[in-house]
Amino acid sequence: MGLKIRLARGGSKKRPYYHVVVADVRSPRDGRFIERLGYWNPMLAKDDAARVDLNQERIQHWLDHGALPTDRVARFMAEAGMMTRDARSNPNKGEPGKKAQERAAEKKQKEEDAAAAAAEAAAAPAEAPAEEAAAE
């Protein structure tokens, strides 16, 4: 029997509230669980002490019995000093998609072409009066 320490959603619509529970991996998210180990209220400010509460003794008990925490619960446990967790980094997450990059490249090319045409147009009239003066 695989055990997970995970979140079970409670609360009303648009007002989430989560219980940290240990459950069989086959049971549904908000369904049957073995034991409630704490809670997480994402509606509170991040620096609020009542935002996350974990029963560390019972969590350690279930970890010793083979339960694995989900990523979000592992974050809470790392913040509480119960375990170490490697920081995850996705440097490509903030980059625009392929189509947006193509549009940006086209826009940049048009701006460069317009700037070159403007510079050429500005240089041409400056030469024209000098030629006219030489012709007279």
Protein backbone atom coordinates (compact mmCIF):
# COMPACT_ATOMS: atom_id res chain seq x y z
CA MET A 1 0.00 0.00 0.00
CA GLY A 2 1.58 3.31 -1.13
CA LEU A 3 1.08 6.24 1.18
CA LYS A 4 1.28 9.93 0.35
CA ILE A 5 1.30 12.98 2.57
CA ARG A 6 -0.76 15.37 0.48
CA LEU A 7 -3.34 18.13 0.47
CA ALA A 8 -7.10 17.62 0.60
CA ARG A 9 -9.14 20.65 -0.44
CA GLY A 10 -11.86 22.08 1.71
CA GLY A 11 -13.51 25.45 1.95
CA SER A 12 -16.10 27.03 -0.27
CA LYS A 13 -15.95 28.20 -3.84
CA LYS A 14 -13.06 30.65 -4.40
CA ARG A 15 -12.11 30.34 -0.70
CA PRO A 16 -9.73 27.35 -0.63
CA TYR A 17 -8.58 25.71 2.55
CA TYR A 18 -6.44 22.58 2.59
CA HIS A 19 -5.87 19.82 5.11
CA VAL A 20 -2.52 18.04 5.11
CA VAL A 21 -3.43 14.36 5.24
CA VAL A 22 -1.81 10.97 4.86
CA ALA A 23 -3.75 8.83 2.40
CA ASP A 24 -3.51 5.81 0.18
CA VAL A 25 -2.35 6.86 -3.29
CA ARG A 26 -5.43 5.24 -4.84
CA SER A 27 -7.95 7.29 -2.87
CA PRO A 28 -9.34 10.51 -4.40
CA ARG A 29 -7.93 13.92 -3.51
CA ASP A 30 -10.78 14.96 -1.24
CA GLY A 31 -11.85 11.44 -0.38
CA ARG A 32 -10.81 8.89 2.18
CA PHE A 33 -7.66 9.54 4.20
CA ILE A 34 -5.95 7.86 7.12
CA GLU A 35 -5.03 10.79 9.34
CA ARG A 36 -5.12 14.59 9.29
CA LEU A 37 -1.67 16.04 9.94
CA GLY A 38 -2.14 19.78 9.61
CA TYR A 39 -3.61 22.50 7.42
CA TRP A 40 -2.74 25.20 4.91
CA ASN A 41 -4.80 28.36 4.43
CA PRO A 42 -3.59 30.05 1.20
CA MET A 43 -5.95 32.99 1.77
CA LEU A 44 -3.77 34.30 4.61
CA ALA A 45 -0.69 36.45 4.03
CA LYS A 46 2.55 34.56 3.38
CA ASP A 47 4.16 35.90 6.54
CA ASP A 48 1.17 34.97 8.73
CA ALA A 49 2.05 32.32 11.34
CA ALA A 50 -1.38 30.68 11.04
CA ARG A 51 -1.03 30.09 7.29
CA VAL A 52 0.55 26.62 7.69
CA ASP A 53 0.35 24.29 10.67
CA LEU A 54 1.95 20.85 10.69
CA ASN A 55 1.97 18.13 13.36
CA GLN A 56 5.67 17.34 13.02
CA GLU A 57 5.66 14.28 15.27
CA ARG A 58 2.92 12.53 13.30
CA ILE A 59 4.45 13.52 9.96
CA GLN A 60 7.76 12.02 11.07
CA HIS A 61 5.91 8.86 12.15
CA TRP A 62 4.36 8.47 8.70
CA LEU A 63 7.64 9.26 6.94
CA ASP A 64 9.25 6.46 8.96
CA HIS A 65 6.47 4.15 7.77
CA GLY A 66 7.14 4.90 4.09
CA ALA A 67 4.81 7.78 3.27
CA LEU A 68 6.11 10.17 0.61
CA PRO A 69 5.21 13.88 0.63
CA THR A 70 3.98 15.64 -2.47
CA ASP A 71 6.00 18.58 -3.78
CA ARG A 72 3.85 21.24 -2.07
CA VAL A 73 3.89 19.43 1.27
CA ALA A 74 7.66 18.92 0.92
CA ARG A 75 7.98 22.71 0.56
CA PHE A 76 6.07 23.22 3.80
CA MET A 77 8.20 20.63 5.55
CA ALA A 78 11.41 22.27 4.27
CA GLU A 79 10.23 25.66 5.57
CA ALA A 80 9.53 24.03 8.95
CA GLY A 81 13.03 22.51 8.97
CA MET A 82 11.84 18.91 8.81
CA MET A 83 13.66 18.04 5.61
CA THR A 84 15.93 19.49 2.96
CA ARG A 85 14.65 20.07 -0.52
CA ASP A 86 16.56 21.12 -3.61
CA ALA A 87 15.40 24.39 -5.09
CA ARG A 88 13.78 23.98 -8.47
CA SER A 89 14.60 26.35 -11.27
CA ASN A 90 13.11 26.67 -14.73
CA PRO A 91 14.98 29.50 -16.46
CA ASN A 92 12.97 29.08 -19.68
CA LYS A 93 9.59 29.51 -17.98
CA GLY A 94 9.42 33.28 -18.45
CA GLU A 95 10.48 33.30 -22.09
CA PRO A 96 7.82 33.94 -24.74
CA GLY A 97 6.68 31.14 -27.01
CA LYS A 98 7.86 30.41 -30.54
CA LYS A 99 5.20 32.51 -32.31
CA ALA A 100 5.75 35.47 -30.00
CA GLN A 101 9.51 35.30 -30.65
CA GLU A 102 8.84 35.28 -34.42
CA ARG A 103 6.56 38.32 -34.11
CA ALA A 104 9.19 40.16 -32.05
CA ALA A 105 11.88 39.36 -34.63
CA GLU A 106 9.65 40.64 -37.47
CA LYS A 107 8.90 43.84 -35.54
CA LYS A 108 12.58 44.40 -34.83
CA GLN A 109 13.44 43.85 -38.51
CA LYS A 110 10.77 46.36 -39.60
CA GLU A 111 12.09 48.94 -37.12
CA GLU A 112 15.65 48.44 -38.39
CA ASP A 113 14.47 48.78 -42.01
CA ALA A 114 12.53 51.95 -41.16
CA ALA A 115 15.53 53.42 -39.34
CA ALA A 116 17.81 52.62 -42.28
CA ALA A 117 15.34 54.17 -44.73
CA ALA A 118 15.06 57.29 -42.58
CA ALA A 119 18.84 57.61 -42.37
CA GLU A 120 19.11 57.16 -46.13
CA ALA A 121 16.40 59.76 -46.74
CA ALA A 122 18.12 62.17 -44.39
CA ALA A 123 21.47 61.68 -46.13
CA ALA A 124 20.06 62.06 -49.69
CA PRO A 125 18.68 65.65 -49.33
CA ALA A 126 21.93 66.76 -47.69
CA GLU A 127 23.88 65.63 -50.76
CA ALA A 128 21.40 67.13 -53.24
CA PRO A 129 21.95 70.81 -52.30
CA ALA A 130 25.72 70.33 -52.48
CA GLU A 131 25.41 68.96 -56.02
CA GLU A 132 23.09 71.82 -57.03
CA ALA A 133 25.54 74.37 -55.66
CA ALA A 134 28.38 72.79 -57.63
CA ALA A 135 26.27 72.85 -60.80
CA GLU A 136 25.64 76.60 -60.50
